Amino acid sequence: MGRRALRKPKRLARKLLQIRKKLGLSQNELIDRMGLNGQLLREEISDFERGKRLPPLVVLLEYARAANVYVDTLIDDEATLPEQLPSRHR
């Protein structure tokens, strides 16, 4: 019996792009804001936003901190990002 691939959140990529756009940041500016300069490339942000790759947990945490939302808001396909980002309340 083989292992099945983990189910990937369907709306994650769209939420990550939405966060960056609502914060008014370029991909490089987002990397700086998350404090991941030298650890993350613009091309990786692009891959996350297009759904080509899943971001590592530390990157998801930094997206959530930048948007002031809980990480589960990013991962849960049934959860919706607030209209205003960064959010005033978690």
C-alpha atoms as a PDB file:
ATOM      1  CA  MET A   1       0.000   0.000   0.000  1.00  0.00           C
ATOM      2  CA  GLY A   2       1.519   3.323  -1.126  1.00  0.00           C
ATOM      3  CA  ARG A   3       1.302   6.730   0.392  1.00  0.00           C
ATOM      4  CA  ARG A   4      -1.057   9.220  -1.141  1.00  0.00           C
ATOM      5  CA  ALA A   5       0.017  12.789  -1.757  1.00  0.00           C
ATOM      6  CA  LEU A   6      -1.207  15.309   0.771  1.00  0.00           C
ATOM      7  CA  ARG A   7      -4.131  17.409  -0.328  1.00  0.00           C
ATOM      8  CA  LYS A   8      -3.043  20.924  -1.210  1.00  0.00           C
ATOM      9  CA  PRO A   9      -5.209  23.960  -0.362  1.00  0.00           C
ATOM     10  CA  LYS A  10      -6.936  25.068  -3.560  1.00  0.00           C
ATOM     11  CA  ARG A  11      -7.189  28.767  -2.685  1.00  0.00           C
ATOM     12  CA  LEU A  12      -3.760  29.232  -1.096  1.00  0.00           C
ATOM     13  CA  ALA A  13      -2.010  30.660  -4.160  1.00  0.00           C
ATOM     14  CA  ARG A  14      -4.813  33.162  -4.760  1.00  0.00           C
ATOM     15  CA  LYS A  15      -4.732  34.263  -1.106  1.00  0.00           C
ATOM     16  CA  LEU A  16      -0.965  34.780  -1.178  1.00  0.00           C
ATOM     17  CA  LEU A  17      -1.243  36.940  -4.293  1.00  0.00           C
ATOM     18  CA  GLN A  18      -4.147  38.835  -2.751  1.00  0.00           C
ATOM     19  CA  ILE A  19      -2.101  39.593   0.381  1.00  0.00           C
ATOM     20  CA  ARG A  20       0.805  40.988  -1.603  1.00  0.00           C
ATOM     21  CA  LYS A  21      -1.438  43.078  -3.862  1.00  0.00           C
ATOM     22  CA  LYS A  22      -3.515  44.475  -0.976  1.00  0.00           C
ATOM     23  CA  LEU A  23      -0.344  45.427   0.854  1.00  0.00           C
ATOM     24  CA  GLY A  24       0.788  47.228  -2.317  1.00  0.00           C
ATOM     25  CA  LEU A  25       4.119  45.414  -2.468  1.00  0.00           C
ATOM     26  CA  SER A  26       6.249  44.031  -5.256  1.00  0.00           C
ATOM     27  CA  GLN A  27       7.532  40.494  -4.810  1.00  0.00           C
ATOM     28  CA  ASN A  28      10.935  41.796  -3.715  1.00  0.00           C
ATOM     29  CA  GLU A  29       9.329  44.266  -1.294  1.00  0.00           C
ATOM     30  CA  LEU A  30       7.285  41.430   0.202  1.00  0.00           C
ATOM     31  CA  ILE A  31      10.440  39.395   0.773  1.00  0.00           C
ATOM     32  CA  ASP A  32      11.972  42.385   2.574  1.00  0.00           C
ATOM     33  CA  ARG A  33       8.812  42.953   4.644  1.00  0.00           C
ATOM     34  CA  MET A  34       8.802  39.307   5.715  1.00  0.00           C
ATOM     35  CA  GLY A  35      12.459  39.533   6.722  1.00  0.00           C
ATOM     36  CA  LEU A  36      13.432  36.756   4.320  1.00  0.00           C
ATOM     37  CA  ASN A  37      15.884  38.669   2.146  1.00  0.00           C
ATOM     38  CA  GLY A  38      18.709  36.320   1.150  1.00  0.00           C
ATOM     39  CA  GLN A  39      16.578  33.293   2.057  1.00  0.00           C
ATOM     40  CA  LEU A  40      13.813  33.595  -0.518  1.00  0.00           C
ATOM     41  CA  LEU A  41      13.872  34.548  -4.196  1.00  0.00           C
ATOM     42  CA  ARG A  42      11.345  36.562  -6.183  1.00  0.00           C
ATOM     43  CA  GLU A  43      10.919  33.530  -8.448  1.00  0.00           C
ATOM     44  CA  GLU A  44       9.828  31.464  -5.446  1.00  0.00           C
ATOM     45  CA  ILE A  45       7.183  34.055  -4.515  1.00  0.00           C
ATOM     46  CA  SER A  46       5.966  33.862  -8.099  1.00  0.00           C
ATOM     47  CA  ASP A  47       5.758  30.064  -7.894  1.00  0.00           C
ATOM     48  CA  PHE A  48       3.786  30.260  -4.618  1.00  0.00           C
ATOM     49  CA  GLU A  49       1.356  32.802  -6.083  1.00  0.00           C
ATOM     50  CA  ARG A  50       0.797  30.711  -9.215  1.00  0.00           C
ATOM     51  CA  GLY A  51       0.301  27.487  -7.256  1.00  0.00           C
ATOM     52  CA  LYS A  52       3.373  25.812  -8.720  1.00  0.00           C
ATOM     53  CA  ARG A  53       4.929  25.252  -5.295  1.00  0.00           C
ATOM     54  CA  LEU A  54       3.740  25.147  -1.714  1.00  0.00           C
ATOM     55  CA  PRO A  55       5.566  27.598   0.533  1.00  0.00           C
ATOM     56  CA  PRO A  56       7.457  26.282   3.557  1.00  0.00           C
ATOM     57  CA  LEU A  57       5.746  26.754   6.922  1.00  0.00           C
ATOM     58  CA  VAL A  58       8.010  29.640   7.925  1.00  0.00           C
ATOM     59  CA  VAL A  59       7.012  31.506   4.743  1.00  0.00           C
ATOM     60  CA  LEU A  60       3.299  30.909   5.444  1.00  0.00           C
ATOM     61  CA  LEU A  61       3.827  32.242   8.949  1.00  0.00           C
ATOM     62  CA  GLU A  62       5.448  35.414   7.579  1.00  0.00           C
ATOM     63  CA  TYR A  63       2.612  35.941   5.068  1.00  0.00           C
ATOM     64  CA  ALA A  64       0.135  35.616   7.933  1.00  0.00           C
ATOM     65  CA  ARG A  65       2.106  38.085  10.062  1.00  0.00           C
ATOM     66  CA  ALA A  66       2.325  40.579   7.186  1.00  0.00           C
ATOM     67  CA  ALA A  67      -1.450  40.383   6.702  1.00  0.00           C
ATOM     68  CA  ASN A  68      -2.169  40.144  10.464  1.00  0.00           C
ATOM     69  CA  VAL A  69      -4.262  37.003  10.031  1.00  0.00           C
ATOM     70  CA  TYR A  70      -4.009  33.513  11.486  1.00  0.00           C
ATOM     71  CA  VAL A  71      -2.122  30.946   9.410  1.00  0.00           C
ATOM     72  CA  ASP A  72      -5.238  28.772   9.221  1.00  0.00           C
ATOM     73  CA  THR A  73      -6.938  31.609   7.304  1.00  0.00           C
ATOM     74  CA  LEU A  74      -4.387  31.006   4.557  1.00  0.00           C
ATOM     75  CA  ILE A  75      -4.600  27.217   4.607  1.00  0.00           C
ATOM     76  CA  ASP A  76      -8.351  26.709   5.091  1.00  0.00           C
ATOM     77  CA  ASP A  77     -10.132  26.874   1.726  1.00  0.00           C
ATOM     78  CA  GLU A  78     -13.357  27.798   3.518  1.00  0.00           C
ATOM     79  CA  ALA A  79     -11.788  30.801   5.253  1.00  0.00           C
ATOM     80  CA  THR A  80     -11.735  34.180   3.533  1.00  0.00           C
ATOM     81  CA  LEU A  81      -9.200  36.946   3.913  1.00  0.00           C
ATOM     82  CA  PRO A  82     -10.494  40.205   5.359  1.00  0.00           C
ATOM     83  CA  GLU A  83     -11.191  43.025   2.918  1.00  0.00           C
ATOM     84  CA  GLN A  84      -8.633  45.296   4.583  1.00  0.00           C
ATOM     85  CA  LEU A  85      -5.045  44.087   4.864  1.00  0.00           C
ATOM     86  CA  PRO A  86      -3.216  44.166   7.096  1.00  0.00           C
ATOM     87  CA  SER A  87      -6.215  43.225   9.186  1.00  0.00           C
ATOM     88  CA  ARG A  88      -6.949  45.284  12.275  1.00  0.00           C
ATOM     89  CA  HIS A  89      -8.046  42.171  14.173  1.00  0.00           C
ATOM     90  CA  ARG A  90      -7.019  38.569  13.917  1.00  0.00           C
END
